[in-house]
């Protein structure tokens, strides 16, 4: 499995609202496409930061699955304009989980 280790830093005071939309809208849309989400995990050191992992069956499926989400109506008509203004920055590290150590819900 290919996993994106994602770190998001929201603008001050926006983490709670961002996470509400992420959990209620974005995560179900990811699941419909077949992407796995583990998290979010909240930073205990920074009230504006959280982490999550996004999983794909393999490297070849990653780009098409991402395109389906980011070109989709939910992202284009709603989430992009709501979530992106709340973000200060984000980072993605791509890793492989060849032994299936991550336990997805």
PDB file of N, CA and C in Angstrom:
ATOM      1  N   UNK A   1       0.846  -1.177   0.000  1.00  0.00           N
ATOM      2  CA  UNK A   1       0.000   0.000   0.000  1.00  0.00           C
ATOM      3  C   UNK A   1       0.888   1.236   0.000  1.00  0.00           C
ATOM      4  N   UNK A   2       0.476   2.251  -0.752  1.00  0.00           N
ATOM      5  CA  UNK A   2       1.157   3.537  -0.785  1.00  0.00           C
ATOM      6  C   UNK A   2       0.407   4.492   0.135  1.00  0.00           C
ATOM      7  N   UNK A   3       1.155   5.186   0.983  1.00  0.00           N
ATOM      8  CA  UNK A   3       0.543   6.063   1.984  1.00  0.00           C
ATOM      9  C   UNK A   3       1.126   7.464   1.886  1.00  0.00           C
ATOM     10  N   UNK A   4       0.228   8.435   1.890  1.00  0.00           N
ATOM     11  CA  UNK A   4       0.633   9.824   2.039  1.00  0.00           C
ATOM     12  C   UNK A   4       0.547  10.155   3.532  1.00  0.00           C
ATOM     13  N   UNK A   5       1.656  10.571   4.107  1.00  0.00           N
ATOM     14  CA  UNK A   5       1.691  11.060   5.481  1.00  0.00           C
ATOM     15  C   UNK A   5       1.502  12.572   5.370  1.00  0.00           C
ATOM     16  N   UNK A   6       0.352  13.065   5.804  1.00  0.00           N
ATOM     17  CA  UNK A   6      -0.014  14.460   5.555  1.00  0.00           C
ATOM     18  C   UNK A   6      -0.034  15.269   6.855  1.00  0.00           C
ATOM     19  N   UNK A   7       0.586  16.447   6.826  1.00  0.00           N
ATOM     20  CA  UNK A   7       0.600  17.386   7.944  1.00  0.00           C
ATOM     21  C   UNK A   7      -0.096  18.658   7.477  1.00  0.00           C
ATOM     22  N   UNK A   8      -1.120  19.069   8.191  1.00  0.00           N
ATOM     23  CA  UNK A   8      -1.868  20.278   7.852  1.00  0.00           C
ATOM     24  C   UNK A   8      -1.753  21.271   9.001  1.00  0.00           C
ATOM     25  N   UNK A   9      -1.454  22.513   8.652  1.00  0.00           N
ATOM     26  CA  UNK A   9      -1.472  23.605   9.623  1.00  0.00           C
ATOM     27  C   UNK A   9      -2.524  24.593   9.149  1.00  0.00           C
ATOM     28  N   UNK A  10      -3.555  24.752   9.964  1.00  0.00           N
ATOM     29  CA  UNK A  10      -4.616  25.688   9.610  1.00  0.00           C
ATOM     30  C   UNK A  10      -4.243  27.093  10.085  1.00  0.00           C
ATOM     31  N   UNK A  11      -4.942  28.063   9.567  1.00  0.00           N
ATOM     32  CA  UNK A  11      -4.786  29.423  10.060  1.00  0.00           C
ATOM     33  C   UNK A  11      -5.272  29.446  11.509  1.00  0.00           C
ATOM     34  N   UNK A  12      -4.765  30.368  12.325  1.00  0.00           N
ATOM     35  CA  UNK A  12      -5.119  30.371  13.753  1.00  0.00           C
ATOM     36  C   UNK A  12      -6.627  30.293  13.990  1.00  0.00           C
ATOM     37  N   UNK A  13      -6.994  29.333  14.830  1.00  0.00           N
ATOM     38  CA  UNK A  13      -8.382  29.168  15.238  1.00  0.00           C
ATOM     39  C   UNK A  13      -9.286  28.433  14.265  1.00  0.00           C
ATOM     40  N   UNK A  14      -8.744  27.951  13.150  1.00  0.00           N
ATOM     41  CA  UNK A  14      -9.572  27.308  12.119  1.00  0.00           C
ATOM     42  C   UNK A  14      -9.578  25.779  12.169  1.00  0.00           C
ATOM     43  N   UNK A  15      -8.741  25.175  13.016  1.00  0.00           N
ATOM     44  CA  UNK A  15      -8.608  23.718  12.993  1.00  0.00           C
ATOM     45  C   UNK A  15      -9.933  23.009  13.250  1.00  0.00           C
ATOM     46  N   UNK A  16     -10.689  23.434  14.220  1.00  0.00           N
ATOM     47  CA  UNK A  16     -11.938  22.757  14.571  1.00  0.00           C
ATOM     48  C   UNK A  16     -12.933  22.774  13.411  1.00  0.00           C
ATOM     49  N   UNK A  17     -13.117  23.909  12.783  1.00  0.00           N
ATOM     50  CA  UNK A  17     -14.044  24.012  11.648  1.00  0.00           C
ATOM     51  C   UNK A  17     -13.538  23.193  10.453  1.00  0.00           C
ATOM     52  N   UNK A  18     -12.237  23.277  10.198  1.00  0.00           N
ATOM     53  CA  UNK A  18     -11.650  22.500   9.111  1.00  0.00           C
ATOM     54  C   UNK A  18     -11.902  21.010   9.339  1.00  0.00           C
ATOM     55  N   UNK A  19     -11.642  20.546  10.559  1.00  0.00           N
ATOM     56  CA  UNK A  19     -11.826  19.123  10.867  1.00  0.00           C
ATOM     57  C   UNK A  19     -13.279  18.694  10.775  1.00  0.00           C
ATOM     58  N   UNK A  20     -14.201  19.561  11.137  1.00  0.00           N
ATOM     59  CA  UNK A  20     -15.618  19.216  10.994  1.00  0.00           C
ATOM     60  C   UNK A  20     -15.939  18.926   9.524  1.00  0.00           C
ATOM     61  N   UNK A  21     -15.522  19.808   8.623  1.00  0.00           N
ATOM     62  CA  UNK A  21     -15.769  19.608   7.190  1.00  0.00           C
ATOM     63  C   UNK A  21     -14.996  18.408   6.659  1.00  0.00           C
ATOM     64  N   UNK A  22     -13.776  18.237   7.119  1.00  0.00           N
ATOM     65  CA  UNK A  22     -12.946  17.112   6.696  1.00  0.00           C
ATOM     66  C   UNK A  22     -13.616  15.785   7.058  1.00  0.00           C
ATOM     67  N   UNK A  23     -14.066  15.681   8.314  1.00  0.00           N
ATOM     68  CA  UNK A  23     -14.694  14.437   8.774  1.00  0.00           C
ATOM     69  C   UNK A  23     -16.056  14.191   8.115  1.00  0.00           C
ATOM     70  N   UNK A  24     -16.861  15.229   8.003  1.00  0.00           N
ATOM     71  CA  UNK A  24     -18.236  15.045   7.534  1.00  0.00           C
ATOM     72  C   UNK A  24     -18.370  15.002   6.018  1.00  0.00           C
ATOM     73  N   UNK A  25     -17.489  15.644   5.292  1.00  0.00           N
ATOM     74  CA  UNK A  25     -17.619  15.720   3.825  1.00  0.00           C
ATOM     75  C   UNK A  25     -16.463  15.028   3.082  1.00  0.00           C
ATOM     76  N   UNK A  26     -15.244  15.381   3.434  1.00  0.00           N
ATOM     77  CA  UNK A  26     -14.081  14.894   2.683  1.00  0.00           C
ATOM     78  C   UNK A  26     -13.813  13.409   2.913  1.00  0.00           C
ATOM     79  N   UNK A  27     -13.834  12.976   4.150  1.00  0.00           N
ATOM     80  CA  UNK A  27     -13.530  11.568   4.438  1.00  0.00           C
ATOM     81  C   UNK A  27     -14.521  10.612   3.767  1.00  0.00           C
ATOM     82  N   UNK A  28     -15.833  10.856   3.820  1.00  0.00           N
ATOM     83  CA  UNK A  28     -16.758   9.965   3.108  1.00  0.00           C
ATOM     84  C   UNK A  28     -16.514   9.949   1.597  1.00  0.00           C
ATOM     85  N   UNK A  29     -16.169  11.092   1.025  1.00  0.00           N
ATOM     86  CA  UNK A  29     -15.898  11.154  -0.417  1.00  0.00           C
ATOM     87  C   UNK A  29     -14.643  10.358  -0.768  1.00  0.00           C
ATOM     88  N   UNK A  30     -13.643  10.425   0.084  1.00  0.00           N
ATOM     89  CA  UNK A  30     -12.435   9.621  -0.123  1.00  0.00           C
ATOM     90  C   UNK A  30     -12.780   8.125  -0.096  1.00  0.00           C
ATOM     91  N   UNK A  31     -13.589   7.739   0.878  1.00  0.00           N
ATOM     92  CA  UNK A  31     -13.965   6.331   1.020  1.00  0.00           C
ATOM     93  C   UNK A  31     -14.727   5.823  -0.205  1.00  0.00           C
ATOM     94  N   UNK A  32     -15.603   6.654  -0.750  1.00  0.00           N
ATOM     95  CA  UNK A  32     -16.363   6.258  -1.943  1.00  0.00           C
ATOM     96  C   UNK A  32     -15.444   5.948  -3.122  1.00  0.00           C
ATOM     97  N   UNK A  33     -14.331   6.651  -3.204  1.00  0.00           N
ATOM     98  CA  UNK A  33     -13.371   6.459  -4.287  1.00  0.00           C
ATOM     99  C   UNK A  33     -12.461   5.259  -4.015  1.00  0.00           C
ATOM    100  N   UNK A  34     -12.364   4.857  -2.752  1.00  0.00           N
ATOM    101  CA  UNK A  34     -11.507   3.731  -2.387  1.00  0.00           C
ATOM    102  C   UNK A  34     -10.220   4.126  -1.689  1.00  0.00           C
ATOM    103  N   UNK A  35     -10.072   5.422  -1.390  1.00  0.00           N
ATOM    104  CA  UNK A  35      -8.912   5.880  -0.625  1.00  0.00           C
ATOM    105  C   UNK A  35      -9.184   5.649   0.855  1.00  0.00           C
ATOM    106  N   UNK A  36      -8.167   5.216   1.554  1.00  0.00           N
ATOM    107  CA  UNK A  36      -8.279   4.982   2.990  1.00  0.00           C
ATOM    108  C   UNK A  36      -7.778   6.210   3.739  1.00  0.00           C
ATOM    109  N   UNK A  37      -8.426   6.533   4.848  1.00  0.00           N
ATOM    110  CA  UNK A  37      -7.989   7.630   5.709  1.00  0.00           C
ATOM    111  C   UNK A  37      -7.794   7.073   7.113  1.00  0.00           C
ATOM    112  N   UNK A  38      -6.661   7.377   7.702  1.00  0.00           N
ATOM    113  CA  UNK A  38      -6.404   7.045   9.097  1.00  0.00           C
ATOM    114  C   UNK A  38      -6.089   8.360   9.798  1.00  0.00           C
ATOM    115  N   UNK A  39      -6.885   8.681  10.783  1.00  0.00           N
ATOM    116  CA  UNK A  39      -6.758   9.965  11.451  1.00  0.00           C
ATOM    117  C   UNK A  39      -8.089  10.683  11.349  1.00  0.00           C
ATOM    118  N   UNK A  40      -8.107  11.936  11.646  1.00  0.00           N
ATOM    119  CA  UNK A  40      -6.983  12.818  11.924  1.00  0.00           C
ATOM    120  C   UNK A  40      -6.436  12.644  13.339  1.00  0.00           C
ATOM    121  N   UNK A  41      -5.177  13.010  13.462  1.00  0.00           N
ATOM    122  CA  UNK A  41      -4.473  13.014  14.735  1.00  0.00           C
ATOM    123  C   UNK A  41      -4.136  14.467  15.049  1.00  0.00           C
ATOM    124  N   UNK A  42      -4.541  14.925  16.225  1.00  0.00           N
ATOM    125  CA  UNK A  42      -4.362  16.325  16.596  1.00  0.00           C
ATOM    126  C   UNK A  42      -3.030  16.539  17.303  1.00  0.00           C
ATOM    127  N   UNK A  43      -2.312  17.564  16.893  1.00  0.00           N
ATOM    128  CA  UNK A  43      -1.067  17.921  17.568  1.00  0.00           C
ATOM    129  C   UNK A  43      -1.387  18.396  18.978  1.00  0.00           C
ATOM    130  N   UNK A  44      -0.641  17.910  19.954  1.00  0.00           N
ATOM    131  CA  UNK A  44      -0.808  18.392  21.326  1.00  0.00           C
ATOM    132  C   UNK A  44       0.092  19.593  21.589  1.00  0.00           C
ATOM    133  N   UNK A  45       0.988  19.880  20.657  1.00  0.00           N
ATOM    134  CA  UNK A  45       1.918  20.998  20.806  1.00  0.00           C
ATOM    135  C   UNK A  45       1.477  22.242  20.039  1.00  0.00           C
ATOM    136  N   UNK A  46       0.598  22.068  19.056  1.00  0.00           N
ATOM    137  CA  UNK A  46       0.174  23.182  18.217  1.00  0.00           C
ATOM    138  C   UNK A  46      -1.314  23.026  17.920  1.00  0.00           C
ATOM    139  N   UNK A  47      -2.119  23.913  18.458  1.00  0.00           N
ATOM    140  CA  UNK A  47      -3.573  23.846  18.312  1.00  0.00           C
ATOM    141  C   UNK A  47      -4.094  24.086  16.909  1.00  0.00           C
ATOM    142  N   UNK A  48      -3.197  24.388  15.984  1.00  0.00           N
ATOM    143  CA  UNK A  48      -3.606  24.622  14.603  1.00  0.00           C
ATOM    144  C   UNK A  48      -3.107  23.531  13.651  1.00  0.00           C
ATOM    145  N   UNK A  49      -2.510  22.476  14.188  1.00  0.00           N
ATOM    146  CA  UNK A  49      -1.915  21.430  13.351  1.00  0.00           C
ATOM    147  C   UNK A  49      -2.572  20.086  13.602  1.00  0.00           C
ATOM    148  N   UNK A  50      -2.714  19.320  12.510  1.00  0.00           N
ATOM    149  CA  UNK A  50      -3.157  17.933  12.625  1.00  0.00           C
ATOM    150  C   UNK A  50      -2.500  17.106  11.531  1.00  0.00           C
ATOM    151  N   UNK A  51      -2.594  15.802  11.700  1.00  0.00           N
ATOM    152  CA  UNK A  51      -1.954  14.852  10.806  1.00  0.00           C
ATOM    153  C   UNK A  51      -2.966  13.796  10.396  1.00  0.00           C
ATOM    154  N   UNK A  52      -2.779  13.215   9.218  1.00  0.00           N
ATOM    155  CA  UNK A  52      -3.537  12.036   8.828  1.00  0.00           C
ATOM    156  C   UNK A  52      -2.780  11.292   7.750  1.00  0.00           C
ATOM    157  N   UNK A  53      -3.185  10.055   7.547  1.00  0.00           N
ATOM    158  CA  UNK A  53      -2.610   9.236   6.494  1.00  0.00           C
ATOM    159  C   UNK A  53      -3.690   8.941   5.472  1.00  0.00           C
ATOM    160  N   UNK A  54      -3.313   9.004   4.202  1.00  0.00           N
ATOM    161  CA  UNK A  54      -4.241   8.686   3.121  1.00  0.00           C
ATOM    162  C   UNK A  54      -3.607   7.557   2.323  1.00  0.00           C
ATOM    163  N   UNK A  55      -4.335   6.433   2.207  1.00  0.00           N
ATOM    164  CA  UNK A  55      -3.779   5.232   1.592  1.00  0.00           C
ATOM    165  C   UNK A  55      -4.383   4.896   0.243  1.00  0.00           C
ATOM    166  N   UNK A  56      -3.533   4.325  -0.611  1.00  0.00           N
ATOM    167  CA  UNK A  56      -3.897   3.905  -1.964  1.00  0.00           C
ATOM    168  C   UNK A  56      -3.434   2.464  -2.153  1.00  0.00           C
ATOM    169  N   UNK A  57      -4.163   1.675  -2.933  1.00  0.00           N
ATOM    170  CA  UNK A  57      -3.773   0.277  -3.125  1.00  0.00           C
ATOM    171  C   UNK A  57      -2.347   0.110  -3.655  1.00  0.00           C
ATOM    172  N   UNK A  58      -1.939   1.015  -4.571  1.00  0.00           N
ATOM    173  CA  UNK A  58      -0.604   0.948  -5.163  1.00  0.00           C
ATOM    174  C   UNK A  58      -0.286   2.295  -5.789  1.00  0.00           C
ATOM    175  N   UNK A  59       0.941   2.456  -6.237  1.00  0.00           N
ATOM    176  CA  UNK A  59       1.374   3.723  -6.804  1.00  0.00           C
ATOM    177  C   UNK A  59       0.610   4.076  -8.077  1.00  0.00           C
ATOM    178  N   UNK A  60       0.309   3.077  -8.894  1.00  0.00           N
ATOM    179  CA  UNK A  60      -0.386   3.320 -10.163  1.00  0.00           C
ATOM    180  C   UNK A  60      -1.796   3.876  -9.958  1.00  0.00           C
ATOM    181  N   UNK A  61      -2.441   3.533  -8.860  1.00  0.00           N
ATOM    182  CA  UNK A  61      -3.814   3.997  -8.615  1.00  0.00           C
ATOM    183  C   UNK A  61      -3.868   5.366  -7.941  1.00  0.00           C
ATOM    184  N   UNK A  62      -2.751   5.826  -7.420  1.00  0.00           N
ATOM    185  CA  UNK A  62      -2.749   7.075  -6.640  1.00  0.00           C
ATOM    186  C   UNK A  62      -3.227   8.278  -7.458  1.00  0.00           C
ATOM    187  N   UNK A  63      -2.599   8.554  -8.570  1.00  0.00           N
ATOM    188  CA  UNK A  63      -2.968   9.742  -9.348  1.00  0.00           C
ATOM    189  C   UNK A  63      -4.405   9.690  -9.874  1.00  0.00           C
ATOM    190  N   UNK A  64      -4.859   8.566 -10.447  1.00  0.00           N
ATOM    191  CA  UNK A  64      -6.260   8.523 -10.894  1.00  0.00           C
ATOM    192  C   UNK A  64      -7.276   8.701  -9.755  1.00  0.00           C
ATOM    193  N   UNK A  65      -6.978   8.144  -8.596  1.00  0.00           N
ATOM    194  CA  UNK A  65      -7.895   8.294  -7.463  1.00  0.00           C
ATOM    195  C   UNK A  65      -7.909   9.734  -6.964  1.00  0.00           C
ATOM    196  N   UNK A  66      -6.740  10.348  -6.872  1.00  0.00           N
ATOM    197  CA  UNK A  66      -6.676  11.754  -6.474  1.00  0.00           C
ATOM    198  C   UNK A  66      -7.420  12.627  -7.478  1.00  0.00           C
ATOM    199  N   UNK A  67      -7.227  12.358  -8.768  1.00  0.00           N
ATOM    200  CA  UNK A  67      -7.903  13.149  -9.807  1.00  0.00           C
ATOM    201  C   UNK A  67      -9.416  13.029  -9.678  1.00  0.00           C
ATOM    202  N   UNK A  68      -9.894  11.838  -9.386  1.00  0.00           N
ATOM    203  CA  UNK A  68     -11.341  11.644  -9.235  1.00  0.00           C
ATOM    204  C   UNK A  68     -11.890  12.502  -8.094  1.00  0.00           C
ATOM    205  N   UNK A  69     -11.128  12.613  -7.014  1.00  0.00           N
ATOM    206  CA  UNK A  69     -11.561  13.433  -5.891  1.00  0.00           C
ATOM    207  C   UNK A  69     -11.462  14.922  -6.234  1.00  0.00           C
ATOM    208  N   UNK A  70     -10.285  15.365  -6.672  1.00  0.00           N
ATOM    209  CA  UNK A  70     -10.049  16.794  -6.883  1.00  0.00           C
ATOM    210  C   UNK A  70     -10.728  17.355  -8.129  1.00  0.00           C
ATOM    211  N   UNK A  71     -11.122  16.514  -9.056  1.00  0.00           N
ATOM    212  CA  UNK A  71     -11.879  16.975 -10.225  1.00  0.00           C
ATOM    213  C   UNK A  71     -13.384  16.812 -10.006  1.00  0.00           C
ATOM    214  N   UNK A  72     -13.758  16.182  -8.898  1.00  0.00           N
ATOM    215  CA  UNK A  72     -15.166  15.908  -8.607  1.00  0.00           C
ATOM    216  C   UNK A  72     -15.956  17.136  -8.189  1.00  0.00           C
ATOM    217  N   UNK A  73     -17.251  17.005  -8.278  1.00  0.00           N
ATOM    218  CA  UNK A  73     -18.160  18.105  -7.976  1.00  0.00           C
ATOM    219  C   UNK A  73     -18.051  18.571  -6.526  1.00  0.00           C
ATOM    220  N   UNK A  74     -17.938  17.648  -5.576  1.00  0.00           N
ATOM    221  CA  UNK A  74     -17.866  18.028  -4.164  1.00  0.00           C
ATOM    222  C   UNK A  74     -16.675  18.942  -3.919  1.00  0.00           C
ATOM    223  N   UNK A  75     -15.500  18.559  -4.419  1.00  0.00           N
ATOM    224  CA  UNK A  75     -14.311  19.386  -4.210  1.00  0.00           C
ATOM    225  C   UNK A  75     -14.441  20.709  -4.953  1.00  0.00           C
ATOM    226  N   UNK A  76     -14.781  20.636  -6.221  1.00  0.00           N
ATOM    227  CA  UNK A  76     -14.803  21.837  -7.060  1.00  0.00           C
ATOM    228  C   UNK A  76     -15.890  22.834  -6.649  1.00  0.00           C
ATOM    229  N   UNK A  77     -17.072  22.329  -6.292  1.00  0.00           N
ATOM    230  CA  UNK A  77     -18.176  23.249  -6.012  1.00  0.00           C
ATOM    231  C   UNK A  77     -18.301  23.645  -4.541  1.00  0.00           C
ATOM    232  N   UNK A  78     -17.686  22.881  -3.628  1.00  0.00           N
ATOM    233  CA  UNK A  78     -17.873  23.180  -2.207  1.00  0.00           C
ATOM    234  C   UNK A  78     -16.575  23.221  -1.415  1.00  0.00           C
ATOM    235  N   UNK A  79     -15.904  22.083  -1.329  1.00  0.00           N
ATOM    236  CA  UNK A  79     -14.805  21.967  -0.371  1.00  0.00           C
ATOM    237  C   UNK A  79     -13.600  22.836  -0.685  1.00  0.00           C
ATOM    238  N   UNK A  80     -13.251  22.959  -1.940  1.00  0.00           N
ATOM    239  CA  UNK A  80     -12.071  23.752  -2.299  1.00  0.00           C
ATOM    240  C   UNK A  80     -12.193  25.184  -1.767  1.00  0.00           C
ATOM    241  N   UNK A  81     -13.338  25.800  -1.979  1.00  0.00           N
ATOM    242  CA  UNK A  81     -13.520  27.196  -1.559  1.00  0.00           C
ATOM    243  C   UNK A  81     -13.702  27.337  -0.047  1.00  0.00           C
ATOM    244  N   UNK A  82     -14.097  26.266   0.632  1.00  0.00           N
ATOM    245  CA  UNK A  82     -14.250  26.312   2.086  1.00  0.00           C
ATOM    246  C   UNK A  82     -12.957  25.963   2.821  1.00  0.00           C
ATOM    247  N   UNK A  83     -12.272  24.903   2.363  1.00  0.00           N
ATOM    248  CA  UNK A  83     -11.107  24.395   3.096  1.00  0.00           C
ATOM    249  C   UNK A  83      -9.817  25.150   2.803  1.00  0.00           C
ATOM    250  N   UNK A  84      -9.545  25.428   1.549  1.00  0.00           N
ATOM    251  CA  UNK A  84      -8.252  26.049   1.219  1.00  0.00           C
ATOM    252  C   UNK A  84      -8.024  27.391   1.916  1.00  0.00           C
ATOM    253  N   UNK A  85      -9.032  28.259   2.045  1.00  0.00           N
ATOM    254  CA  UNK A  85      -8.784  29.517   2.760  1.00  0.00           C
ATOM    255  C   UNK A  85      -8.443  29.330   4.246  1.00  0.00           C
ATOM    256  N   UNK A  86      -8.799  28.185   4.827  1.00  0.00           N
ATOM    257  CA  UNK A  86      -8.496  27.926   6.233  1.00  0.00           C
ATOM    258  C   UNK A  86      -7.091  27.372   6.439  1.00  0.00           C
ATOM    259  N   UNK A  87      -6.423  26.952   5.372  1.00  0.00           N
ATOM    260  CA  UNK A  87      -5.099  26.340   5.483  1.00  0.00           C
ATOM    261  C   UNK A  87      -3.993  27.377   5.415  1.00  0.00           C
ATOM    262  N   UNK A  88      -3.033  27.211   6.313  1.00  0.00           N
ATOM    263  CA  UNK A  88      -1.819  28.011   6.260  1.00  0.00           C
ATOM    264  C   UNK A  88      -0.799  27.291   5.379  1.00  0.00           C
ATOM    265  N   UNK A  89      -0.640  25.975   5.612  1.00  0.00           N
ATOM    266  CA  UNK A  89       0.263  25.174   4.784  1.00  0.00           C
ATOM    267  C   UNK A  89      -0.022  23.701   5.027  1.00  0.00           C
ATOM    268  N   UNK A  90       0.499  22.876   4.114  1.00  0.00           N
ATOM    269  CA  UNK A  90       0.428  21.437   4.304  1.00  0.00           C
ATOM    270  C   UNK A  90       1.652  20.794   3.678  1.00  0.00           C
ATOM    271  N   UNK A  91       1.987  19.629   4.181  1.00  0.00           N
ATOM    272  CA  UNK A  91       3.126  18.872   3.679  1.00  0.00           C
ATOM    273  C   UNK A  91       2.697  17.430   3.479  1.00  0.00           C
ATOM    274  N   UNK A  92       3.263  16.791   2.453  1.00  0.00           N
ATOM    275  CA  UNK A  92       2.952  15.398   2.152  1.00  0.00           C
ATOM    276  C   UNK A  92       4.258  14.635   1.979  1.00  0.00           C
ATOM    277  N   UNK A  93       4.365  13.511   2.670  1.00  0.00           N
ATOM    278  CA  UNK A  93       5.483  12.588   2.491  1.00  0.00           C
ATOM    279  C   UNK A  93       4.884  11.272   2.015  1.00  0.00           C
ATOM    280  N   UNK A  94       5.393  10.755   0.909  1.00  0.00           N
ATOM    281  CA  UNK A  94       4.889   9.516   0.319  1.00  0.00           C
ATOM    282  C   UNK A  94       5.742   8.348   0.796  1.00  0.00           C
ATOM    283  N   UNK A  95       5.089   7.328   1.360  1.00  0.00           N
ATOM    284  CA  UNK A  95       5.798   6.149   1.869  1.00  0.00           C
ATOM    285  C   UNK A  95       5.110   4.876   1.369  1.00  0.00           C
ATOM    286  N   UNK A  96       5.836   3.794   1.455  1.00  0.00           N
ATOM    287  CA  UNK A  96       5.305   2.481   1.086  1.00  0.00           C
ATOM    288  C   UNK A  96       5.120   1.666   2.358  1.00  0.00           C
ATOM    289  N   UNK A  97       4.055   0.901   2.420  1.00  0.00           N
ATOM    290  CA  UNK A  97       3.774  -0.002   3.541  1.00  0.00           C
ATOM    291  C   UNK A  97       3.711  -1.423   2.968  1.00  0.00           C
ATOM    292  N   UNK A  98       4.868  -1.972   2.529  1.00  0.00           N
ATOM    293  CA  UNK A  98       4.856  -3.255   1.828  1.00  0.00           C
ATOM    294  C   UNK A  98       4.402  -4.435   2.690  1.00  0.00           C
ATOM    295  N   UNK A  99       4.544  -4.317   4.009  1.00  0.00           N
ATOM    296  CA  UNK A  99       4.163  -5.411   4.891  1.00  0.00           C
ATOM    297  C   UNK A  99       2.769  -5.247   5.480  1.00  0.00           C
ATOM    298  N   UNK A 100       2.062  -4.201   5.070  1.00  0.00           N
ATOM    299  CA  UNK A 100       0.703  -3.979   5.565  1.00  0.00           C
ATOM    300  C   UNK A 100       0.637  -3.723   7.053  1.00  0.00           C
ATOM    301  N   UNK A 101       1.575  -2.957   7.571  1.00  0.00           N
ATOM    302  CA  UNK A 101       1.631  -2.701   9.011  1.00  0.00           C
ATOM    303  C   UNK A 101       0.551  -1.741   9.488  1.00  0.00           C
ATOM    304  N   UNK A 102       0.119  -0.829   8.616  1.00  0.00           N
ATOM    305  CA  UNK A 102      -0.928   0.113   8.998  1.00  0.00           C
ATOM    306  C   UNK A 102      -2.264  -0.617   9.001  1.00  0.00           C
ATOM    307  N   UNK A 103      -2.990  -0.483  10.084  1.00  0.00           N
ATOM    308  CA  UNK A 103      -4.303  -1.108  10.233  1.00  0.00           C
ATOM    309  C   UNK A 103      -5.378  -0.080   9.951  1.00  0.00           C
ATOM    310  N   UNK A 104      -6.021  -0.207   8.799  1.00  0.00           N
ATOM    311  CA  UNK A 104      -7.045   0.744   8.375  1.00  0.00           C
ATOM    312  C   UNK A 104      -8.381   0.370   8.986  1.00  0.00           C
ATOM    313  N   UNK A 105      -9.208   1.351   9.220  1.00  0.00           N
ATOM    314  CA  UNK A 105     -10.555   1.125   9.759  1.00  0.00           C
ATOM    315  C   UNK A 105     -11.449   0.582   8.668  1.00  0.00           C
TER     316      UNK A 105
END
